[in-house]
Amino acid sequence: MSIIETRDPDANPVPAPSRDRRLCDAALTAFQSLPPARWRGRLPFPGGEIVFADPELARQYGLAARHALAANEDPRAAIRLFDQAIRLDQPAVLEDAEHVVQRVEAWSALGEDRPARAILLYNLGVTFSRMGHWKQAATVYRAADEIDPVFAWSLNNFAWMAATFTDPRAHAGDLAVALAEHTCATSGFGCWAFLGTLAAAHARAGDFGRAVAWQRIARTLTPVSERAYSEQKLATYEAGQPFVDSDPRPLGGYGPLDEAVARGMPALWREAQELMGIRPEALH
């Protein structure tokens, strides 16, 4: 059964869905067309394809990238290979930052510091979120994504916060859906965490049909260590309730973030402004 509801043709016209929404719905149909045992490799669908996570292939791309960087002194080739490695195993980016750090080094060899600033902004976004400063977190997550959209966790965290934050003033269901759809559409629909964010966003927007459908897919792709958490979210959506949570994961562990929190809000915000290249007076 399609989760896309039919509408009365005599009712007010409905705006055409965005490209990201069309891609997400087509990807959902593609997922549902095959048994989970066949969810591997690449699955084409009209307008795009699902790129399933492949940690072993990601590792091989990472090794090739390090060789291109160290032995061949070819940072551009290394960057292309690191991008593929990240795309094929997004969760590993937070668990082991080696690919991201070396990708930053490759960009630095070309005289480009934007990926490094994006990572710093991402971690500041996590810090602001943990401190409850969701407006500042949203600002730096958005800036990090604009600086380096390949690092998709910035936009994902922005969407997760807009969908699930403990402070209800941060909730924005339609925005969360748009951000999550773009994250999934541009990263290949293969990351269980991003698909879980998409499900949470639809739940916050009140579309529990899509929320349940996407969370069931995310649950299937989720590793065993995270499965209970995924089941908890699915049960919440099946009960017709949005999920509330706030535990963003930093890159490189929590130690540096605890130190950052100790510096206090004014110092953190000045650091964020500097990384974003924004003059403080421009924010007033």
Protein backbone atom coordinates (compact mmCIF):
# COMPACT_ATOMS: atom_id res chain seq x y z
CA MET A 1 0.00 0.00 0.00
CA SER A 2 1.32 3.42 -0.89
CA ILE A 3 1.86 5.77 2.02
CA ILE A 4 1.19 8.75 -0.23
CA GLU A 5 -2.39 9.76 0.47
CA THR A 6 -4.83 10.45 -2.33
CA ARG A 7 -6.54 13.82 -2.42
CA ASP A 8 -9.86 15.12 -3.57
CA PRO A 9 -9.27 16.58 -7.05
CA ASP A 10 -11.87 19.26 -6.30
CA ALA A 11 -10.04 20.44 -3.19
CA ASN A 12 -7.59 23.33 -3.16
CA PRO A 13 -4.59 22.59 -5.38
CA VAL A 14 -1.56 21.16 -3.59
CA PRO A 15 1.90 22.53 -4.43
CA ALA A 16 4.02 20.17 -6.47
CA PRO A 17 6.44 18.19 -4.29
CA SER A 18 10.06 19.28 -4.26
CA ARG A 19 12.72 17.35 -6.14
CA ASP A 20 14.01 15.96 -2.85
CA ARG A 21 10.52 14.79 -1.89
CA ARG A 22 10.06 13.09 -5.25
CA LEU A 23 13.42 11.36 -4.89
CA CYS A 24 12.64 10.26 -1.34
CA ASP A 25 9.26 8.83 -2.32
CA ALA A 26 10.82 7.03 -5.29
CA ALA A 27 13.56 5.66 -3.03
CA LEU A 28 10.96 4.49 -0.52
CA THR A 29 9.13 2.61 -3.27
CA ALA A 30 12.43 1.08 -4.36
CA PHE A 31 13.20 -0.09 -0.82
CA GLN A 32 9.75 -1.61 -0.50
CA SER A 33 10.01 -3.37 -3.86
CA LEU A 34 12.78 -5.72 -2.70
CA PRO A 35 13.25 -7.97 0.34
CA PRO A 36 15.89 -6.71 2.77
CA ALA A 37 18.19 -9.59 1.81
CA ARG A 38 18.73 -7.77 -1.50
CA TRP A 39 19.49 -4.38 0.04
CA ARG A 40 23.12 -4.17 -1.00
CA GLY A 41 25.26 -2.53 -3.63
CA ARG A 42 23.40 0.02 -5.72
CA LEU A 43 19.67 0.01 -6.36
CA PRO A 44 18.59 2.27 -9.25
CA PHE A 45 15.18 3.90 -9.15
CA PRO A 46 13.53 6.54 -11.36
CA GLY A 47 15.56 9.71 -10.94
CA GLY A 48 18.32 8.29 -8.76
CA GLU A 49 19.75 5.31 -6.91
CA ILE A 50 20.20 3.96 -3.42
CA VAL A 51 23.86 3.50 -2.48
CA PHE A 52 23.86 0.99 0.35
CA ALA A 53 26.50 1.28 3.02
CA ASP A 54 29.54 -0.90 2.47
CA PRO A 55 32.11 -0.51 5.28
CA GLU A 56 34.65 -2.85 3.66
CA LEU A 57 34.55 -0.99 0.34
CA ALA A 58 34.75 2.27 2.26
CA ARG A 59 37.89 0.99 3.97
CA GLN A 60 39.44 0.17 0.61
CA TYR A 61 38.64 3.64 -0.72
CA GLY A 62 40.23 5.09 2.41
CA LEU A 63 43.41 3.07 1.89
CA ALA A 64 43.59 4.17 -1.74
CA ALA A 65 43.06 7.79 -0.68
CA ARG A 66 45.86 7.63 1.87
CA HIS A 67 48.14 6.14 -0.78
CA ALA A 68 47.24 8.94 -3.20
CA LEU A 69 48.00 11.49 -0.52
CA ALA A 70 51.20 10.02 0.90
CA ALA A 71 52.83 8.12 -1.96
CA ASN A 72 51.55 9.92 -5.04
CA GLU A 73 51.23 13.36 -3.46
CA ASP A 74 47.93 13.80 -5.31
CA PRO A 75 45.53 15.54 -2.89
CA ARG A 76 42.79 15.97 -5.49
CA ALA A 77 42.62 12.22 -6.13
CA ALA A 78 42.76 11.62 -2.39
CA ILE A 79 39.81 13.94 -1.83
CA ARG A 80 37.70 12.14 -4.43
CA LEU A 81 38.50 8.79 -2.81
CA PHE A 82 37.85 10.05 0.73
CA ASP A 83 34.50 11.43 -0.45
CA GLN A 84 33.57 7.96 -1.69
CA ALA A 85 34.72 6.35 1.55
CA ILE A 86 32.59 8.73 3.61
CA ARG A 87 29.56 8.20 1.37
CA LEU A 88 29.81 4.42 1.78
CA ASP A 89 30.04 4.44 5.58
CA GLN A 90 28.62 7.63 7.06
CA PRO A 91 28.26 6.38 10.68
CA ALA A 92 31.96 5.50 10.76
CA VAL A 93 32.72 9.19 10.31
CA LEU A 94 31.65 9.82 13.90
CA GLU A 95 33.07 6.58 15.31
CA ASP A 96 36.48 6.93 13.65
CA ALA A 97 37.34 10.35 12.27
CA GLU A 98 40.43 9.20 10.36
CA HIS A 99 38.92 9.62 6.89
CA VAL A 100 37.56 13.06 7.69
CA VAL A 101 40.78 14.28 9.29
CA GLN A 102 42.91 13.09 6.39
CA ARG A 103 40.44 14.56 3.92
CA VAL A 104 40.90 17.88 5.70
CA GLU A 105 44.67 17.44 5.34
CA ALA A 106 44.26 16.83 1.61
CA TRP A 107 42.23 20.00 1.22
CA SER A 108 44.79 21.90 3.31
CA ALA A 109 47.51 20.74 0.90
CA LEU A 110 45.57 22.65 -1.77
CA GLY A 111 45.42 25.75 0.42
CA GLU A 112 41.73 25.25 1.26
CA ASP A 113 40.58 25.52 4.90
CA ARG A 114 36.79 25.27 4.48
CA PRO A 115 36.49 21.54 5.32
CA ALA A 116 38.49 22.12 8.50
CA ARG A 117 36.25 25.02 9.49
CA ALA A 118 33.16 22.92 8.74
CA ILE A 119 34.31 20.20 11.16
CA LEU A 120 34.99 22.76 13.88
CA LEU A 121 31.58 24.33 13.31
CA TYR A 122 29.93 20.91 13.46
CA ASN A 123 31.47 20.21 16.85
CA LEU A 124 30.45 23.66 18.04
CA GLY A 125 26.91 22.88 16.88
CA VAL A 126 26.95 19.72 18.99
CA THR A 127 28.22 21.75 21.94
CA PHE A 128 25.56 24.43 21.57
CA SER A 129 22.89 21.74 21.30
CA ARG A 130 24.09 20.02 24.46
CA MET A 131 24.01 23.37 26.23
CA GLY A 132 20.42 23.94 25.08
CA HIS A 133 21.29 26.85 22.76
CA TRP A 134 19.39 25.54 19.75
CA LYS A 135 19.34 28.79 17.78
CA GLN A 136 23.13 29.01 17.83
CA ALA A 137 23.36 25.29 17.04
CA ALA A 138 21.09 25.75 14.02
CA THR A 139 23.19 28.68 12.79
CA VAL A 140 26.49 26.85 12.92
CA TYR A 141 25.09 23.59 11.53
CA ARG A 142 23.74 25.50 8.54
CA ALA A 143 27.05 27.32 8.08
CA ALA A 144 29.00 24.05 8.30
CA ASP A 145 26.82 22.49 5.61
CA GLU A 146 27.21 25.48 3.31
CA ILE A 147 30.98 25.34 3.74
CA ASP A 148 31.27 21.57 3.15
CA PRO A 149 28.08 19.76 2.08
CA VAL A 150 29.94 16.46 1.63
CA PHE A 151 30.09 16.22 5.42
CA ALA A 152 26.37 15.47 5.67
CA TRP A 153 26.20 15.18 9.47
CA SER A 154 25.83 18.93 9.89
CA LEU A 155 22.56 19.08 7.98
CA ASN A 156 21.42 15.81 9.52
CA ASN A 157 21.92 17.19 13.03
CA PHE A 158 20.06 20.36 12.14
CA ALA A 159 17.12 18.23 10.96
CA TRP A 160 17.29 15.97 14.03
CA MET A 161 17.25 18.98 16.33
CA ALA A 162 14.27 20.55 14.53
CA ALA A 163 12.42 17.24 14.83
CA THR A 164 13.32 15.92 18.28
CA PHE A 165 14.87 18.60 20.49
CA THR A 166 13.85 18.62 24.14
CA ASP A 167 12.97 22.33 23.94
CA PRO A 168 9.71 22.48 21.92
CA ARG A 169 10.57 25.98 20.70
CA ALA A 170 13.13 24.36 18.41
CA HIS A 171 10.56 22.16 16.70
CA ALA A 172 9.85 22.87 13.03
CA GLY A 173 8.41 19.83 11.32
CA ASP A 174 8.32 21.09 7.74
CA LEU A 175 11.87 22.44 8.01
CA ALA A 176 13.08 19.19 9.54
CA VAL A 177 11.54 17.22 6.67
CA ALA A 178 13.11 19.46 4.04
CA LEU A 179 16.55 19.22 5.66
CA ALA A 180 16.33 15.46 6.19
CA GLU A 181 15.06 14.81 2.67
CA HIS A 182 17.95 16.81 1.23
CA THR A 183 20.45 14.97 3.43
CA CYS A 184 19.17 11.58 2.33
CA ALA A 185 18.79 12.54 -1.34
CA THR A 186 22.34 13.88 -1.59
CA SER A 187 24.00 11.11 0.42
CA GLY A 188 22.43 8.17 -1.42
CA PHE A 189 19.82 6.90 1.06
CA GLY A 190 22.25 4.33 2.45
CA CYS A 191 22.84 5.69 5.96
CA TRP A 192 20.52 4.24 8.61
CA ALA A 193 21.07 7.25 10.87
CA PHE A 194 20.03 9.73 8.17
CA LEU A 195 16.97 7.64 7.33
CA GLY A 196 16.09 7.62 11.03
CA THR A 197 16.28 11.41 11.05
CA LEU A 198 13.96 11.50 8.04
CA ALA A 199 11.48 9.33 9.92
CA ALA A 200 11.68 11.59 12.99
CA ALA A 201 11.14 14.67 10.82
CA HIS A 202 8.00 13.23 9.24
CA ALA A 203 6.69 12.34 12.69
CA ARG A 204 7.26 15.90 13.91
CA ALA A 205 5.40 17.15 10.82
CA GLY A 206 2.50 14.79 11.62
CA ASP A 207 3.05 12.41 8.69
CA PHE A 208 3.17 9.17 10.63
CA GLY A 209 2.69 7.03 7.51
CA ARG A 210 6.03 8.14 6.13
CA ALA A 211 7.58 8.18 9.60
CA VAL A 212 6.74 4.51 10.20
CA ALA A 213 7.74 3.47 6.68
CA TRP A 214 11.15 5.12 6.87
CA GLN A 215 11.82 3.99 10.43
CA ARG A 216 11.12 0.37 9.48
CA ILE A 217 13.76 0.69 6.77
CA ALA A 218 16.18 2.43 9.13
CA ARG A 219 15.62 -0.31 11.73
CA THR A 220 16.48 -3.00 9.19
CA LEU A 221 19.73 -1.24 8.26
CA THR A 222 20.65 -0.34 11.83
CA PRO A 223 23.48 -2.35 13.45
CA VAL A 224 22.56 -4.63 16.32
CA SER A 225 24.15 -2.30 18.88
CA GLU A 226 21.66 0.45 17.96
CA ARG A 227 18.63 -1.75 17.28
CA ALA A 228 16.82 -1.23 20.62
CA TYR A 229 16.93 2.55 20.15
CA SER A 230 15.56 2.14 16.63
CA GLU A 231 12.74 -0.06 17.91
CA GLN A 232 11.89 2.56 20.54
CA LYS A 233 11.50 5.22 17.87
CA LEU A 234 9.41 2.95 15.65
CA ALA A 235 7.02 2.17 18.51
CA THR A 236 6.67 5.89 19.19
CA TYR A 237 5.69 6.65 15.58
CA GLU A 238 3.34 3.67 15.41
CA ALA A 239 1.59 5.16 18.45
CA GLY A 240 1.15 8.45 16.56
CA GLN A 241 3.68 10.41 18.59
CA PRO A 242 6.81 12.34 17.58
CA PHE A 243 10.11 11.40 19.20
CA VAL A 244 11.92 13.65 21.67
CA ASP A 245 15.65 13.31 22.17
CA SER A 246 18.81 15.40 22.24
CA ASP A 247 22.09 13.55 22.12
CA PRO A 248 24.09 14.65 19.07
CA ARG A 249 27.34 12.81 18.55
CA PRO A 250 30.53 14.87 18.23
CA LEU A 251 33.41 14.07 15.93
CA GLY A 252 36.31 12.72 17.94
CA GLY A 253 34.63 12.06 21.29
CA TYR A 254 33.21 14.19 24.07
CA GLY A 255 36.38 15.30 25.87
CA PRO A 256 37.08 18.44 23.77
CA LEU A 257 33.41 19.38 23.95
CA ASP A 258 33.41 19.24 27.74
CA GLU A 259 36.39 21.60 27.69
CA ALA A 260 34.55 23.86 25.26
CA VAL A 261 31.49 24.00 27.50
CA ALA A 262 33.72 25.10 30.34
CA ARG A 263 34.82 28.12 28.30
CA GLY A 264 31.29 29.47 28.38
CA MET A 265 28.75 30.70 25.86
CA PRO A 266 30.25 34.10 24.90
CA ALA A 267 33.64 32.59 24.06
CA LEU A 268 32.06 29.77 22.07
CA TRP A 269 29.89 32.15 20.07
CA ARG A 270 32.85 34.41 19.26
CA GLU A 271 34.71 31.32 18.02
CA ALA A 272 31.74 30.33 15.88
CA GLN A 273 31.49 33.80 14.37
CA GLU A 274 35.16 33.71 13.47
CA LEU A 275 34.84 30.28 11.85
CA MET A 276 31.78 31.40 9.89
CA GLY A 277 33.53 34.58 8.80
CA ILE A 278 30.74 36.71 10.25
CA ARG A 279 31.34 40.09 11.89
CA PRO A 280 29.50 40.25 15.22
CA GLU A 281 27.83 43.53 14.30
CA ALA A 282 26.28 41.82 11.26
CA LEU A 283 24.17 39.67 13.57
CA HIS A 284 22.32 42.64 15.14
